[in-house]
């Protein structure tokens, strides 16, 4: 009997994965924003991914 290997990520999970990674990047950006302006850009990049990931997960 063959084992089924999951190689395809479900559509709804993809958006949540993007949002989760965006949250991690936002946290990193928040820490770096205290030291320099480059961190503020990373924070914005992460927040954009959180928003887009959540919107993608709600799309049918």
N, C-alpha and C. Protein backbone atom coordinates (compact mmCIF):
# COMPACT_ATOMS: atom_id res chain seq x y z
N UNK A 1 0.84 -1.17 0.00
CA UNK A 1 0.00 0.00 0.00
C UNK A 1 0.89 1.25 0.00
N UNK A 2 0.61 2.14 -0.93
CA UNK A 2 1.41 3.34 -1.06
C UNK A 2 0.96 4.39 -0.05
N UNK A 3 1.95 5.11 0.48
CA UNK A 3 1.64 6.23 1.35
C UNK A 3 1.36 7.46 0.50
N UNK A 4 0.36 8.23 0.90
CA UNK A 4 0.06 9.46 0.18
C UNK A 4 0.90 10.58 0.79
N UNK A 5 1.70 11.21 -0.05
CA UNK A 5 2.55 12.30 0.39
C UNK A 5 1.89 13.61 -0.02
N UNK A 6 1.72 14.49 0.94
CA UNK A 6 1.11 15.78 0.66
C UNK A 6 2.16 16.72 0.10
N UNK A 7 2.06 17.00 -1.18
CA UNK A 7 3.01 17.90 -1.80
C UNK A 7 2.36 19.21 -2.20
N UNK A 8 1.05 19.26 -2.18
CA UNK A 8 0.34 20.45 -2.59
C UNK A 8 -0.27 21.12 -1.36
N UNK A 9 0.00 22.40 -1.19
CA UNK A 9 -0.56 23.14 -0.07
C UNK A 9 -1.95 23.60 -0.45
N UNK A 10 -2.90 23.39 0.45
CA UNK A 10 -4.27 23.84 0.18
C UNK A 10 -4.29 25.35 0.02
N UNK A 11 -5.24 25.84 -0.76
CA UNK A 11 -5.31 27.27 -1.06
C UNK A 11 -5.49 28.10 0.20
N UNK A 12 -6.35 27.69 1.10
CA UNK A 12 -6.60 28.48 2.29
C UNK A 12 -5.38 28.48 3.21
N UNK A 13 -4.66 27.40 3.23
CA UNK A 13 -3.46 27.34 4.07
C UNK A 13 -2.36 28.26 3.56
N UNK A 14 -2.30 28.48 2.26
CA UNK A 14 -1.27 29.33 1.69
C UNK A 14 -1.38 30.75 2.24
N UNK A 15 -2.59 31.28 2.29
CA UNK A 15 -2.78 32.62 2.82
C UNK A 15 -2.40 32.72 4.28
N UNK A 16 -2.71 31.70 5.04
CA UNK A 16 -2.35 31.71 6.46
C UNK A 16 -0.85 31.59 6.66
N UNK A 17 -0.19 30.84 5.80
CA UNK A 17 1.27 30.72 5.87
C UNK A 17 1.91 32.07 5.58
N UNK A 18 1.42 32.76 4.55
CA UNK A 18 1.94 34.08 4.21
C UNK A 18 1.71 35.06 5.35
N UNK A 19 0.52 35.01 5.97
CA UNK A 19 0.22 35.89 7.09
C UNK A 19 1.13 35.59 8.29
N UNK A 20 1.38 34.32 8.54
CA UNK A 20 2.27 33.94 9.64
C UNK A 20 3.69 34.40 9.43
N UNK A 21 4.18 34.23 8.22
CA UNK A 21 5.53 34.71 7.92
C UNK A 21 5.59 36.24 7.99
N UNK A 22 4.51 36.89 7.56
CA UNK A 22 4.44 38.35 7.67
C UNK A 22 4.48 38.81 9.11
N UNK A 23 3.84 38.05 10.00
CA UNK A 23 3.86 38.39 11.42
C UNK A 23 5.28 38.26 11.98
N UNK A 24 5.98 37.23 11.56
CA UNK A 24 7.37 37.05 12.01
C UNK A 24 8.26 38.18 11.50
N UNK A 25 8.09 38.56 10.25
CA UNK A 25 8.88 39.65 9.68
C UNK A 25 8.52 40.97 10.35
N UNK A 26 7.25 41.16 10.68
CA UNK A 26 6.83 42.37 11.38
C UNK A 26 7.48 42.47 12.75
N UNK A 27 7.56 41.36 13.44
CA UNK A 27 8.23 41.35 14.74
C UNK A 27 9.69 41.72 14.62
N UNK A 28 10.35 41.17 13.61
CA UNK A 28 11.75 41.51 13.37
C UNK A 28 11.88 42.99 13.04
N UNK A 29 10.98 43.48 12.21
CA UNK A 29 11.02 44.90 11.83
C UNK A 29 10.78 45.81 13.01
N UNK A 30 9.89 45.41 13.93
CA UNK A 30 9.62 46.23 15.11
C UNK A 30 10.86 46.34 15.99
N UNK A 31 11.59 45.25 16.10
CA UNK A 31 12.83 45.28 16.90
C UNK A 31 13.87 46.16 16.22
N UNK A 32 14.00 46.03 14.91
CA UNK A 32 15.00 46.82 14.18
C UNK A 32 14.60 48.28 14.05
N UNK A 33 13.31 48.58 14.09
CA UNK A 33 12.85 49.96 13.93
C UNK A 33 13.31 50.84 15.08
N UNK A 34 13.60 50.26 16.21
CA UNK A 34 14.10 51.04 17.34
C UNK A 34 15.50 51.57 17.08
N UNK A 35 16.23 50.88 16.20
CA UNK A 35 17.63 51.24 15.97
C UNK A 35 17.82 52.10 14.73
N UNK A 36 17.06 51.81 13.66
CA UNK A 36 17.27 52.57 12.42
C UNK A 36 15.99 52.58 11.57
N UNK A 37 16.01 53.36 10.52
CA UNK A 37 14.83 53.49 9.66
C UNK A 37 14.64 52.28 8.75
N UNK A 38 15.65 51.51 8.55
CA UNK A 38 15.55 50.30 7.74
C UNK A 38 14.55 49.33 8.36
N UNK A 39 14.51 49.28 9.67
CA UNK A 39 13.57 48.42 10.38
C UNK A 39 12.13 48.82 10.14
N UNK A 40 11.87 50.12 9.96
CA UNK A 40 10.51 50.58 9.68
C UNK A 40 10.04 50.04 8.32
N UNK A 41 10.93 49.96 7.37
CA UNK A 41 10.58 49.39 6.07
C UNK A 41 10.28 47.91 6.16
N UNK A 42 11.05 47.20 6.96
CA UNK A 42 10.81 45.77 7.17
C UNK A 42 9.49 45.56 7.90
N UNK A 43 9.18 46.42 8.86
CA UNK A 43 7.91 46.33 9.57
C UNK A 43 6.74 46.52 8.61
N UNK A 44 6.81 47.51 7.75
CA UNK A 44 5.75 47.75 6.77
C UNK A 44 5.61 46.60 5.79
N UNK A 45 6.73 46.04 5.36
CA UNK A 45 6.72 44.89 4.46
C UNK A 45 6.02 43.70 5.11
N UNK A 46 6.32 43.46 6.38
CA UNK A 46 5.69 42.36 7.10
C UNK A 46 4.20 42.58 7.30
N UNK A 47 3.81 43.80 7.65
CA UNK A 47 2.39 44.10 7.85
C UNK A 47 1.60 43.97 6.56
N UNK A 48 2.22 44.34 5.44
CA UNK A 48 1.56 44.17 4.15
C UNK A 48 1.32 42.69 3.86
N UNK A 49 2.28 41.86 4.21
CA UNK A 49 2.10 40.42 3.98
C UNK A 49 1.04 39.83 4.89
N UNK A 50 0.93 40.35 6.11
CA UNK A 50 -0.14 39.89 7.00
C UNK A 50 -1.49 40.22 6.38
N UNK A 51 -1.65 41.45 5.94
CA UNK A 51 -2.93 41.87 5.36
C UNK A 51 -3.26 41.09 4.09
N UNK A 52 -2.29 40.95 3.20
CA UNK A 52 -2.54 40.24 1.94
C UNK A 52 -2.76 38.75 2.17
N UNK A 53 -2.05 38.18 3.12
CA UNK A 53 -2.25 36.77 3.43
C UNK A 53 -3.63 36.49 3.99
N UNK A 54 -4.11 37.37 4.86
CA UNK A 54 -5.45 37.18 5.41
C UNK A 54 -6.53 37.39 4.35
N UNK A 55 -6.31 38.36 3.48
CA UNK A 55 -7.26 38.56 2.38
C UNK A 55 -7.27 37.36 1.44
N UNK A 56 -6.10 36.80 1.18
CA UNK A 56 -6.01 35.64 0.30
C UNK A 56 -6.70 34.42 0.91
N UNK A 57 -6.60 34.27 2.22
CA UNK A 57 -7.22 33.11 2.86
C UNK A 57 -8.75 33.23 2.87
N UNK A 58 -9.29 34.44 2.77
CA UNK A 58 -10.75 34.64 2.75
C UNK A 58 -11.33 34.55 1.34
N UNK A 59 -10.46 34.63 0.34
CA UNK A 59 -10.92 34.59 -1.05
C UNK A 59 -11.41 33.20 -1.42
N UNK A 60 -12.47 33.13 -2.15
CA UNK A 60 -13.02 31.81 -2.58
C UNK A 60 -12.49 31.39 -3.91
